[in-house]
């Protein structure tokens, strides 16, 4: 990452890709935006007052930066013959258990369960 910038803007700008791009053009300038790429690193809402604000952290990267390499480096490499493990449930516990299984070199298969109770 070349640098990061923090902005306090309205939620309508923060959550609209087109409006955010126009805002960044006006704030950072077309030269910087044309010679780099950006992504939202963090976004949070401050709703303590009637005037709700979005705190947005924008990361600026080289034009040739490959974001897929970052993701690939976070995930462990699994062998083709890794044992499969069935995880029942896709809630927080099931997803965290699956992450732990991947870290241990196992392949989780997640079954999502939904149930409806009628009277």
C-alpha atoms as a PDB file:
ATOM      1  CA  UNK A   1       0.000   0.000   0.000  1.00  0.00           C
ATOM      2  CA  UNK A   2       1.342   3.402  -0.923  1.00  0.00           C
ATOM      3  CA  UNK A   3      -0.621   5.251   1.740  1.00  0.00           C
ATOM      4  CA  UNK A   4      -3.988   5.436   3.452  1.00  0.00           C
ATOM      5  CA  UNK A   5      -6.305   8.368   3.966  1.00  0.00           C
ATOM      6  CA  UNK A   6      -9.164   8.837   6.411  1.00  0.00           C
ATOM      7  CA  UNK A   7     -12.346  10.716   5.518  1.00  0.00           C
ATOM      8  CA  UNK A   8     -15.505  11.649   7.396  1.00  0.00           C
ATOM      9  CA  UNK A   9     -18.352  11.769   4.887  1.00  0.00           C
ATOM     10  CA  UNK A  10     -22.082  11.187   4.653  1.00  0.00           C
ATOM     11  CA  UNK A  11     -23.226   7.548   4.485  1.00  0.00           C
ATOM     12  CA  UNK A  12     -24.900   8.191   1.124  1.00  0.00           C
ATOM     13  CA  UNK A  13     -21.485   8.968  -0.372  1.00  0.00           C
ATOM     14  CA  UNK A  14     -19.663   6.206   1.496  1.00  0.00           C
ATOM     15  CA  UNK A  15     -22.025   3.447   0.352  1.00  0.00           C
ATOM     16  CA  UNK A  16     -22.359   4.529  -3.276  1.00  0.00           C
ATOM     17  CA  UNK A  17     -19.509   3.416  -5.513  1.00  0.00           C
ATOM     18  CA  UNK A  18     -20.074   6.218  -8.030  1.00  0.00           C
ATOM     19  CA  UNK A  19     -20.469   8.980  -5.438  1.00  0.00           C
ATOM     20  CA  UNK A  20     -17.433   7.771  -3.495  1.00  0.00           C
ATOM     21  CA  UNK A  21     -15.353   7.776  -6.680  1.00  0.00           C
ATOM     22  CA  UNK A  22     -16.464  11.336  -7.488  1.00  0.00           C
ATOM     23  CA  UNK A  23     -15.701  12.413  -3.910  1.00  0.00           C
ATOM     24  CA  UNK A  24     -12.206  10.897  -4.107  1.00  0.00           C
ATOM     25  CA  UNK A  25     -11.611  12.606  -7.462  1.00  0.00           C
ATOM     26  CA  UNK A  26     -12.383  15.958  -5.890  1.00  0.00           C
ATOM     27  CA  UNK A  27     -10.377  15.283  -2.716  1.00  0.00           C
ATOM     28  CA  UNK A  28      -7.320  13.479  -4.096  1.00  0.00           C
ATOM     29  CA  UNK A  29      -7.229  14.803  -7.630  1.00  0.00           C
ATOM     30  CA  UNK A  30      -7.501  13.029 -10.949  1.00  0.00           C
ATOM     31  CA  UNK A  31      -3.722  12.662 -11.312  1.00  0.00           C
ATOM     32  CA  UNK A  32      -3.328  10.581  -8.146  1.00  0.00           C
ATOM     33  CA  UNK A  33      -6.464   8.544  -8.809  1.00  0.00           C
ATOM     34  CA  UNK A  34      -5.497   7.793 -12.416  1.00  0.00           C
ATOM     35  CA  UNK A  35      -2.000   6.623 -11.414  1.00  0.00           C
ATOM     36  CA  UNK A  36      -3.115   4.351  -8.579  1.00  0.00           C
ATOM     37  CA  UNK A  37      -6.014   2.215  -7.450  1.00  0.00           C
ATOM     38  CA  UNK A  38      -7.888   2.338  -4.185  1.00  0.00           C
ATOM     39  CA  UNK A  39     -10.055   0.203  -1.969  1.00  0.00           C
ATOM     40  CA  UNK A  40     -12.039   0.751   1.202  1.00  0.00           C
ATOM     41  CA  UNK A  41      -9.934  -0.609   4.054  1.00  0.00           C
ATOM     42  CA  UNK A  42     -12.416   0.192   6.819  1.00  0.00           C
ATOM     43  CA  UNK A  43     -15.788   1.834   7.116  1.00  0.00           C
ATOM     44  CA  UNK A  44     -17.778   2.603  10.250  1.00  0.00           C
ATOM     45  CA  UNK A  45     -20.819   4.685  11.065  1.00  0.00           C
ATOM     46  CA  UNK A  46     -21.066   7.297  13.821  1.00  0.00           C
ATOM     47  CA  UNK A  47     -24.763   7.580  14.661  1.00  0.00           C
ATOM     48  CA  UNK A  48     -24.449   9.289  18.048  1.00  0.00           C
ATOM     49  CA  UNK A  49     -26.117  12.443  16.697  1.00  0.00           C
ATOM     50  CA  UNK A  50     -28.886  13.152  14.224  1.00  0.00           C
ATOM     51  CA  UNK A  51     -26.153  13.980  11.719  1.00  0.00           C
ATOM     52  CA  UNK A  52     -24.899  10.448  10.940  1.00  0.00           C
ATOM     53  CA  UNK A  53     -21.353  10.296   9.571  1.00  0.00           C
ATOM     54  CA  UNK A  54     -19.326   7.563   7.919  1.00  0.00           C
ATOM     55  CA  UNK A  55     -15.645   7.200   8.824  1.00  0.00           C
ATOM     56  CA  UNK A  56     -13.913   5.736   5.786  1.00  0.00           C
ATOM     57  CA  UNK A  57     -10.296   4.618   5.493  1.00  0.00           C
ATOM     58  CA  UNK A  58      -9.142   4.427   1.873  1.00  0.00           C
ATOM     59  CA  UNK A  59      -5.987   2.552   0.937  1.00  0.00           C
ATOM     60  CA  UNK A  60      -4.110   3.724  -2.142  1.00  0.00           C
ATOM     61  CA  UNK A  61      -2.146   1.106  -4.090  1.00  0.00           C
ATOM     62  CA  UNK A  62       0.089   0.973  -7.159  1.00  0.00           C
ATOM     63  CA  UNK A  63      -1.808   0.628 -10.414  1.00  0.00           C
ATOM     64  CA  UNK A  64      -0.399  -2.887 -10.957  1.00  0.00           C
ATOM     65  CA  UNK A  65      -1.139  -4.166  -7.421  1.00  0.00           C
ATOM     66  CA  UNK A  66      -2.789  -7.623  -7.458  1.00  0.00           C
ATOM     67  CA  UNK A  67      -5.254  -7.936  -4.572  1.00  0.00           C
ATOM     68  CA  UNK A  68      -5.804 -11.643  -5.230  1.00  0.00           C
ATOM     69  CA  UNK A  69      -2.232 -12.384  -4.108  1.00  0.00           C
ATOM     70  CA  UNK A  70      -3.026 -10.940  -0.666  1.00  0.00           C
ATOM     71  CA  UNK A  71      -5.957 -13.309  -0.233  1.00  0.00           C
ATOM     72  CA  UNK A  72      -3.961 -16.288  -1.467  1.00  0.00           C
ATOM     73  CA  UNK A  73      -1.245 -15.603   1.101  1.00  0.00           C
ATOM     74  CA  UNK A  74      -3.793 -15.604   3.955  1.00  0.00           C
ATOM     75  CA  UNK A  75      -5.222 -19.022   3.158  1.00  0.00           C
ATOM     76  CA  UNK A  76      -3.194 -22.160   3.843  1.00  0.00           C
ATOM     77  CA  UNK A  77      -2.506 -24.510   0.962  1.00  0.00           C
ATOM     78  CA  UNK A  78      -4.471 -27.754   1.236  1.00  0.00           C
ATOM     79  CA  UNK A  79      -3.265 -30.988  -0.267  1.00  0.00           C
ATOM     80  CA  UNK A  80      -5.510 -32.753  -2.761  1.00  0.00           C
ATOM     81  CA  UNK A  81      -5.705 -35.813  -0.518  1.00  0.00           C
ATOM     82  CA  UNK A  82      -6.621 -33.849   2.641  1.00  0.00           C
ATOM     83  CA  UNK A  83      -9.245 -35.507   4.814  1.00  0.00           C
ATOM     84  CA  UNK A  84     -12.751 -34.111   4.568  1.00  0.00           C
ATOM     85  CA  UNK A  85     -14.695 -33.164   7.673  1.00  0.00           C
ATOM     86  CA  UNK A  86     -18.413 -32.416   7.805  1.00  0.00           C
ATOM     87  CA  UNK A  87     -19.469 -29.313   9.730  1.00  0.00           C
ATOM     88  CA  UNK A  88     -23.163 -29.042  10.562  1.00  0.00           C
ATOM     89  CA  UNK A  89     -24.319 -25.425  10.668  1.00  0.00           C
ATOM     90  CA  UNK A  90     -23.129 -22.229   9.024  1.00  0.00           C
ATOM     91  CA  UNK A  91     -23.494 -19.940  12.008  1.00  0.00           C
ATOM     92  CA  UNK A  92     -20.581 -18.346  13.835  1.00  0.00           C
ATOM     93  CA  UNK A  93     -19.521 -21.589  15.523  1.00  0.00           C
ATOM     94  CA  UNK A  94     -19.647 -23.600  12.289  1.00  0.00           C
ATOM     95  CA  UNK A  95     -17.700 -21.007  10.332  1.00  0.00           C
ATOM     96  CA  UNK A  96     -15.011 -20.601  12.994  1.00  0.00           C
ATOM     97  CA  UNK A  97     -14.735 -24.372  13.329  1.00  0.00           C
ATOM     98  CA  UNK A  98     -14.270 -24.566   9.547  1.00  0.00           C
ATOM     99  CA  UNK A  99     -11.510 -21.963   9.644  1.00  0.00           C
ATOM    100  CA  UNK A 100      -9.734 -23.935  12.373  1.00  0.00           C
ATOM    101  CA  UNK A 101     -10.082 -27.142  10.337  1.00  0.00           C
ATOM    102  CA  UNK A 102      -8.540 -25.436   7.304  1.00  0.00           C
ATOM    103  CA  UNK A 103      -5.653 -24.219   9.476  1.00  0.00           C
ATOM    104  CA  UNK A 104      -5.144 -27.845  10.562  1.00  0.00           C
ATOM    105  CA  UNK A 105      -4.962 -28.975   6.928  1.00  0.00           C
ATOM    106  CA  UNK A 106      -8.446 -30.513   6.708  1.00  0.00           C
ATOM    107  CA  UNK A 107     -11.178 -29.794   4.150  1.00  0.00           C
ATOM    108  CA  UNK A 108     -14.452 -28.820   5.832  1.00  0.00           C
ATOM    109  CA  UNK A 109     -17.767 -29.447   4.095  1.00  0.00           C
ATOM    110  CA  UNK A 110     -20.343 -27.093   5.579  1.00  0.00           C
ATOM    111  CA  UNK A 111     -24.023 -28.038   5.717  1.00  0.00           C
ATOM    112  CA  UNK A 112     -26.272 -25.065   6.389  1.00  0.00           C
ATOM    113  CA  UNK A 113     -29.343 -25.913   8.406  1.00  0.00           C
ATOM    114  CA  UNK A 114     -32.499 -23.893   8.494  1.00  0.00           C
ATOM    115  CA  UNK A 115     -35.580 -24.833  10.392  1.00  0.00           C
ATOM    116  CA  UNK A 116     -38.967 -23.255  10.609  1.00  0.00           C
ATOM    117  CA  UNK A 117     -41.358 -23.894  13.454  1.00  0.00           C
ATOM    118  CA  UNK A 118     -45.036 -23.430  12.761  1.00  0.00           C
ATOM    119  CA  UNK A 119     -47.802 -23.424  15.313  1.00  0.00           C
END
